[in-house]
Amino acid sequence: MMSPSDGLKRLLYDRVLHFTHLTEQFFSTEMEAFAELTRQYGLTSIPNNMTSVHVLDCIGSHEPINSTSIAEKMSLSKASITKISTKLLQEGYIKRSQLNDNRKEIFFSLSPKGRELYEVHARMHEIIEQRFIREMEAFSESELQASLKFLQTMINHRGNMIKGDVTELSDS
C-alpha cells in the first residue's frame, strides 16, 4: 500500500530527473555563454572546450601548480591534463616554469592572455551565483536546510552509483 508521502517522493524524483536533464543542457550551452561573455569583454580567442577553460581556472586559482595537482583537483587523468596543458601552452594561455631546486618538475601559471580569460570565467560564475542567491531569497532558513540535506543525499546517492555500488540498483 502506498503511503501519502510516496506520491510526493515520486514527484520529487520526477523533478530531480528533469533538473538533471536541464543541467546537461546547461553544460552543453555553457561554452556558447562563455564565448558571448568573452566577446563582450573584447577578447577574441578562447580555448575550444570548457574542460580547457576549467583547467585554466584551476591553474589560475592555484598557480604555480603541476600536472599531478591539476589532475587531482579536477578528477581528470594526468594524460588528459598533459594534452590540455600542451594545447593551452601552444595557444599562449599558460606558461611553464621550473623551481630552482627541482629542475624535473614543471609548474604552470597563467600568461596575461590566460589571466584575462580566467577573470572573465570568474565573472561568469559570479553572475550565475548571484542569480542563484537571488532565487534562494524565497526560501526560509529551515527550507534552505532541508534543501541542503536533500542535495547532499542526492550527491551521496549519485556518488555511490558512479563508484559502481550496484546494490543501489537492486530491488529492495
C-alpha atoms as a PDB file:
ATOM      1  CA  MET A   1       0.000   0.000   0.000  1.00  0.00           C
ATOM      2  CA  MET A   2       1.254   3.429  -0.958  1.00  0.00           C
ATOM      3  CA  SER A   3       1.728   5.975   1.830  1.00  0.00           C
ATOM      4  CA  PRO A   4       0.547   9.579   1.322  1.00  0.00           C
ATOM      5  CA  SER A   5       4.156  10.763   1.049  1.00  0.00           C
ATOM      6  CA  ASP A   6       5.005   8.216  -1.707  1.00  0.00           C
ATOM      7  CA  GLY A   7       3.258  10.392  -4.295  1.00  0.00           C
ATOM      8  CA  LEU A   8       5.301  13.383  -3.155  1.00  0.00           C
ATOM      9  CA  LYS A   9       8.501  11.309  -3.292  1.00  0.00           C
ATOM     10  CA  ARG A  10       7.681  10.205  -6.846  1.00  0.00           C
ATOM     11  CA  LEU A  11       7.033  13.820  -7.835  1.00  0.00           C
ATOM     12  CA  LEU A  12      10.357  14.793  -6.262  1.00  0.00           C
ATOM     13  CA  TYR A  13      12.093  12.002  -8.197  1.00  0.00           C
ATOM     14  CA  ASP A  14      10.491  13.293 -11.417  1.00  0.00           C
ATOM     15  CA  ARG A  15      11.710  16.829 -10.648  1.00  0.00           C
ATOM     16  CA  VAL A  16      15.241  15.539  -9.942  1.00  0.00           C
ATOM     17  CA  LEU A  17      15.282  13.799 -13.346  1.00  0.00           C
ATOM     18  CA  HIS A  18      14.018  16.967 -15.021  1.00  0.00           C
ATOM     19  CA  PHE A  19      16.672  19.020 -13.221  1.00  0.00           C
ATOM     20  CA  THR A  20      19.338  16.536 -14.355  1.00  0.00           C
ATOM     21  CA  HIS A  21      18.276  16.937 -17.983  1.00  0.00           C
ATOM     22  CA  LEU A  22      18.268  20.726 -17.679  1.00  0.00           C
ATOM     23  CA  THR A  23      21.741  20.588 -16.106  1.00  0.00           C
ATOM     24  CA  GLU A  24      23.009  18.561 -19.064  1.00  0.00           C
ATOM     25  CA  GLN A  25      21.543  21.162 -21.424  1.00  0.00           C
ATOM     26  CA  PHE A  26      23.107  23.955 -19.386  1.00  0.00           C
ATOM     27  CA  PHE A  27      26.560  22.390 -19.659  1.00  0.00           C
ATOM     28  CA  SER A  28      26.151  21.903 -23.391  1.00  0.00           C
ATOM     29  CA  THR A  29      25.396  25.627 -23.795  1.00  0.00           C
ATOM     30  CA  GLU A  30      27.957  26.840 -21.227  1.00  0.00           C
ATOM     31  CA  MET A  31      30.654  27.229 -23.895  1.00  0.00           C
ATOM     32  CA  GLU A  32      28.364  29.415 -26.008  1.00  0.00           C
ATOM     33  CA  ALA A  33      27.545  31.605 -22.987  1.00  0.00           C
ATOM     34  CA  PHE A  34      31.243  31.883 -22.116  1.00  0.00           C
ATOM     35  CA  ALA A  35      32.139  32.773 -25.723  1.00  0.00           C
ATOM     36  CA  GLU A  36      29.475  35.504 -25.712  1.00  0.00           C
ATOM     37  CA  LEU A  37      30.753  36.926 -22.431  1.00  0.00           C
ATOM     38  CA  THR A  38      34.359  36.950 -23.671  1.00  0.00           C
ATOM     39  CA  ARG A  39      33.224  38.889 -26.772  1.00  0.00           C
ATOM     40  CA  GLN A  40      31.511  41.422 -24.503  1.00  0.00           C
ATOM     41  CA  TYR A  41      34.844  41.877 -22.723  1.00  0.00           C
ATOM     42  CA  GLY A  42      36.606  42.330 -26.071  1.00  0.00           C
ATOM     43  CA  LEU A  43      38.516  39.047 -26.069  1.00  0.00           C
ATOM     44  CA  THR A  44      38.929  37.485 -29.475  1.00  0.00           C
ATOM     45  CA  SER A  45      40.100  33.944 -28.766  1.00  0.00           C
ATOM     46  CA  ILE A  46      39.155  31.232 -26.299  1.00  0.00           C
ATOM     47  CA  PRO A  47      40.023  27.541 -25.847  1.00  0.00           C
ATOM     48  CA  ASN A  48      37.788  25.190 -27.820  1.00  0.00           C
ATOM     49  CA  ASN A  49      36.075  23.464 -24.870  1.00  0.00           C
ATOM     50  CA  MET A  50      35.003  24.111 -21.298  1.00  0.00           C
ATOM     51  CA  THR A  51      37.326  21.469 -19.850  1.00  0.00           C
ATOM     52  CA  SER A  52      40.251  23.552 -21.108  1.00  0.00           C
ATOM     53  CA  VAL A  53      38.673  26.663 -19.597  1.00  0.00           C
ATOM     54  CA  HIS A  54      38.259  24.827 -16.292  1.00  0.00           C
ATOM     55  CA  VAL A  55      41.912  23.685 -16.401  1.00  0.00           C
ATOM     56  CA  LEU A  56      42.832  27.323 -16.971  1.00  0.00           C
ATOM     57  CA  ASP A  57      40.645  28.236 -13.999  1.00  0.00           C
ATOM     58  CA  CYS A  58      42.329  25.596 -11.817  1.00  0.00           C
ATOM     59  CA  ILE A  59      45.774  26.895 -12.789  1.00  0.00           C
ATOM     60  CA  GLY A  60      44.738  30.491 -12.069  1.00  0.00           C
ATOM     61  CA  SER A  61      43.308  29.538  -8.682  1.00  0.00           C
ATOM     62  CA  HIS A  62      46.383  27.557  -7.578  1.00  0.00           C
ATOM     63  CA  GLU A  63      49.375  28.849  -9.540  1.00  0.00           C
ATOM     64  CA  PRO A  64      52.074  27.765  -9.717  1.00  0.00           C
ATOM     65  CA  ILE A  65      50.682  24.230  -9.978  1.00  0.00           C
ATOM     66  CA  ASN A  66      51.933  20.997 -11.553  1.00  0.00           C
ATOM     67  CA  SER A  67      50.052  18.488 -13.735  1.00  0.00           C
ATOM     68  CA  THR A  68      49.576  15.980 -10.942  1.00  0.00           C
ATOM     69  CA  SER A  69      47.899  18.545  -8.693  1.00  0.00           C
ATOM     70  CA  ILE A  70      45.655  19.781 -11.522  1.00  0.00           C
ATOM     71  CA  ALA A  71      44.612  16.179 -12.291  1.00  0.00           C
ATOM     72  CA  GLU A  72      43.800  15.534  -8.627  1.00  0.00           C
ATOM     73  CA  LYS A  73      41.848  18.770  -8.157  1.00  0.00           C
ATOM     74  CA  MET A  74      39.827  18.201 -11.333  1.00  0.00           C
ATOM     75  CA  SER A  75      39.429  14.411 -11.083  1.00  0.00           C
ATOM     76  CA  LEU A  76      40.953  14.003 -14.543  1.00  0.00           C
ATOM     77  CA  SER A  77      43.761  11.749 -15.712  1.00  0.00           C
ATOM     78  CA  LYS A  78      47.293  13.064 -15.845  1.00  0.00           C
ATOM     79  CA  ALA A  79      47.312  12.193 -19.570  1.00  0.00           C
ATOM     80  CA  SER A  80      44.283  14.455 -20.122  1.00  0.00           C
ATOM     81  CA  ILE A  81      45.970  17.298 -18.252  1.00  0.00           C
ATOM     82  CA  THR A  82      49.151  16.840 -20.300  1.00  0.00           C
ATOM     83  CA  LYS A  83      47.168  17.026 -23.542  1.00  0.00           C
ATOM     84  CA  ILE A  84      45.148  20.073 -22.434  1.00  0.00           C
ATOM     85  CA  SER A  85      48.123  21.934 -20.943  1.00  0.00           C
ATOM     86  CA  THR A  86      50.166  21.352 -24.118  1.00  0.00           C
ATOM     87  CA  LYS A  87      47.377  22.966 -26.139  1.00  0.00           C
ATOM     88  CA  LEU A  88      46.981  25.837 -23.645  1.00  0.00           C
ATOM     89  CA  LEU A  89      50.753  26.423 -23.849  1.00  0.00           C
ATOM     90  CA  GLN A  90      50.669  26.464 -27.663  1.00  0.00           C
ATOM     91  CA  GLU A  91      47.765  28.908 -27.632  1.00  0.00           C
ATOM     92  CA  GLY A  92      49.607  31.195 -25.189  1.00  0.00           C
ATOM     93  CA  TYR A  93      47.176  30.929 -22.247  1.00  0.00           C
ATOM     94  CA  ILE A  94      49.650  29.466 -19.759  1.00  0.00           C
ATOM     95  CA  LYS A  95      53.392  29.489 -19.021  1.00  0.00           C
ATOM     96  CA  ARG A  96      55.669  26.717 -17.795  1.00  0.00           C
ATOM     97  CA  SER A  97      58.326  27.091 -15.168  1.00  0.00           C
ATOM     98  CA  GLN A  98      60.627  25.018 -13.008  1.00  0.00           C
ATOM     99  CA  LEU A  99      61.734  25.586  -9.457  1.00  0.00           C
ATOM    100  CA  ASN A 100      65.461  26.160  -8.961  1.00  0.00           C
ATOM    101  CA  ASP A 101      65.808  23.228  -6.577  1.00  0.00           C
ATOM    102  CA  ASN A 102      63.750  20.847  -8.747  1.00  0.00           C
ATOM    103  CA  ARG A 103      64.537  21.015 -12.464  1.00  0.00           C
ATOM    104  CA  LYS A 104      62.444  17.915 -13.232  1.00  0.00           C
ATOM    105  CA  GLU A 105      59.029  19.135 -12.190  1.00  0.00           C
ATOM    106  CA  ILE A 106      57.076  21.512 -14.448  1.00  0.00           C
ATOM    107  CA  PHE A 107      54.730  24.102 -12.967  1.00  0.00           C
ATOM    108  CA  PHE A 108      52.089  26.113 -14.781  1.00  0.00           C
ATOM    109  CA  SER A 109      50.867  29.661 -14.304  1.00  0.00           C
ATOM    110  CA  LEU A 110      48.687  31.967 -16.369  1.00  0.00           C
ATOM    111  CA  SER A 111      50.030  34.211 -19.090  1.00  0.00           C
ATOM    112  CA  PRO A 112      48.483  37.706 -19.372  1.00  0.00           C
ATOM    113  CA  LYS A 113      46.163  36.297 -22.096  1.00  0.00           C
ATOM    114  CA  GLY A 114      45.192  33.413 -19.796  1.00  0.00           C
ATOM    115  CA  ARG A 115      44.640  35.794 -16.872  1.00  0.00           C
ATOM    116  CA  GLU A 116      42.064  37.726 -18.954  1.00  0.00           C
ATOM    117  CA  LEU A 117      40.110  34.529 -19.658  1.00  0.00           C
ATOM    118  CA  TYR A 118      40.412  33.445 -16.041  1.00  0.00           C
ATOM    119  CA  GLU A 119      38.880  36.734 -14.910  1.00  0.00           C
ATOM    120  CA  VAL A 120      36.003  36.542 -17.422  1.00  0.00           C
ATOM    121  CA  HIS A 121      35.294  32.948 -16.376  1.00  0.00           C
ATOM    122  CA  ALA A 122      35.286  34.023 -12.715  1.00  0.00           C
ATOM    123  CA  ARG A 123      32.885  36.834 -13.627  1.00  0.00           C
ATOM    124  CA  MET A 124      30.562  34.358 -15.373  1.00  0.00           C
ATOM    125  CA  HIS A 125      30.439  32.158 -12.260  1.00  0.00           C
ATOM    126  CA  GLU A 126      29.878  35.229 -10.095  1.00  0.00           C
ATOM    127  CA  ILE A 127      26.852  36.205 -12.234  1.00  0.00           C
ATOM    128  CA  ILE A 128      25.448  32.658 -12.033  1.00  0.00           C
ATOM    129  CA  GLU A 129      25.991  32.562  -8.259  1.00  0.00           C
ATOM    130  CA  GLN A 130      24.300  35.963  -7.751  1.00  0.00           C
ATOM    131  CA  ARG A 131      21.258  34.817  -9.750  1.00  0.00           C
ATOM    132  CA  PHE A 132      21.112  31.620  -7.695  1.00  0.00           C
ATOM    133  CA  ILE A 133      21.308  33.509  -4.389  1.00  0.00           C
ATOM    134  CA  ARG A 134      18.533  35.868  -5.533  1.00  0.00           C
ATOM    135  CA  GLU A 135      16.310  32.841  -6.314  1.00  0.00           C
ATOM    136  CA  MET A 136      17.023  31.398  -2.861  1.00  0.00           C
ATOM    137  CA  GLU A 137      15.693  34.544  -1.146  1.00  0.00           C
ATOM    138  CA  ALA A 138      12.205  32.995  -1.446  1.00  0.00           C
ATOM    139  CA  PHE A 139      13.229  30.196   0.974  1.00  0.00           C
ATOM    140  CA  SER A 140      13.137  30.276   4.760  1.00  0.00           C
ATOM    141  CA  GLU A 141      16.164  29.148   6.779  1.00  0.00           C
ATOM    142  CA  SER A 142      14.513  25.780   7.516  1.00  0.00           C
ATOM    143  CA  GLU A 143      13.644  25.294   3.829  1.00  0.00           C
ATOM    144  CA  LEU A 144      17.251  26.022   2.893  1.00  0.00           C
ATOM    145  CA  GLN A 145      18.444  23.487   5.497  1.00  0.00           C
ATOM    146  CA  ALA A 146      16.036  20.857   4.140  1.00  0.00           C
ATOM    147  CA  SER A 147      17.137  21.630   0.569  1.00  0.00           C
ATOM    148  CA  LEU A 148      20.772  21.265   1.567  1.00  0.00           C
ATOM    149  CA  LYS A 149      20.051  17.934   3.269  1.00  0.00           C
ATOM    150  CA  PHE A 150      18.200  16.733   0.159  1.00  0.00           C
ATOM    151  CA  LEU A 151      21.001  17.762  -2.188  1.00  0.00           C
ATOM    152  CA  GLN A 152      23.640  16.105  -0.011  1.00  0.00           C
ATOM    153  CA  THR A 153      21.561  12.915  -0.025  1.00  0.00           C
ATOM    154  CA  MET A 154      21.387  13.058  -3.843  1.00  0.00           C
ATOM    155  CA  ILE A 155      25.133  13.721  -4.085  1.00  0.00           C
ATOM    156  CA  ASN A 156      25.836  10.702  -1.877  1.00  0.00           C
ATOM    157  CA  HIS A 157      23.389   8.547  -3.872  1.00  0.00           C
ATOM    158  CA  ARG A 158      24.853   9.539  -7.254  1.00  0.00           C
ATOM    159  CA  GLY A 159      28.409   9.248  -5.936  1.00  0.00           C
ATOM    160  CA  ASN A 160      27.743   5.685  -4.807  1.00  0.00           C
ATOM    161  CA  MET A 161      26.264   4.801  -8.192  1.00  0.00           C
ATOM    162  CA  ILE A 162      29.250   6.300 -10.028  1.00  0.00           C
ATOM    163  CA  LYS A 163      31.609   4.300  -7.813  1.00  0.00           C
ATOM    164  CA  GLY A 164      29.812   1.179  -9.001  1.00  0.00           C
ATOM    165  CA  ASP A 165      27.722   0.361  -5.942  1.00  0.00           C
ATOM    166  CA  VAL A 166      25.386  -1.991  -7.788  1.00  0.00           C
ATOM    167  CA  THR A 167      23.401  -2.632  -4.603  1.00  0.00           C
ATOM    168  CA  GLU A 168      21.872   0.778  -5.396  1.00  0.00           C
ATOM    169  CA  LEU A 169      20.226  -0.863  -8.414  1.00  0.00           C
ATOM    170  CA  SER A 170      18.885  -3.923  -6.606  1.00  0.00           C
ATOM    171  CA  ASP A 171      15.160  -4.033  -5.963  1.00  0.00           C
ATOM    172  CA  SER A 172      14.797  -3.778  -2.190  1.00  0.00           C
END
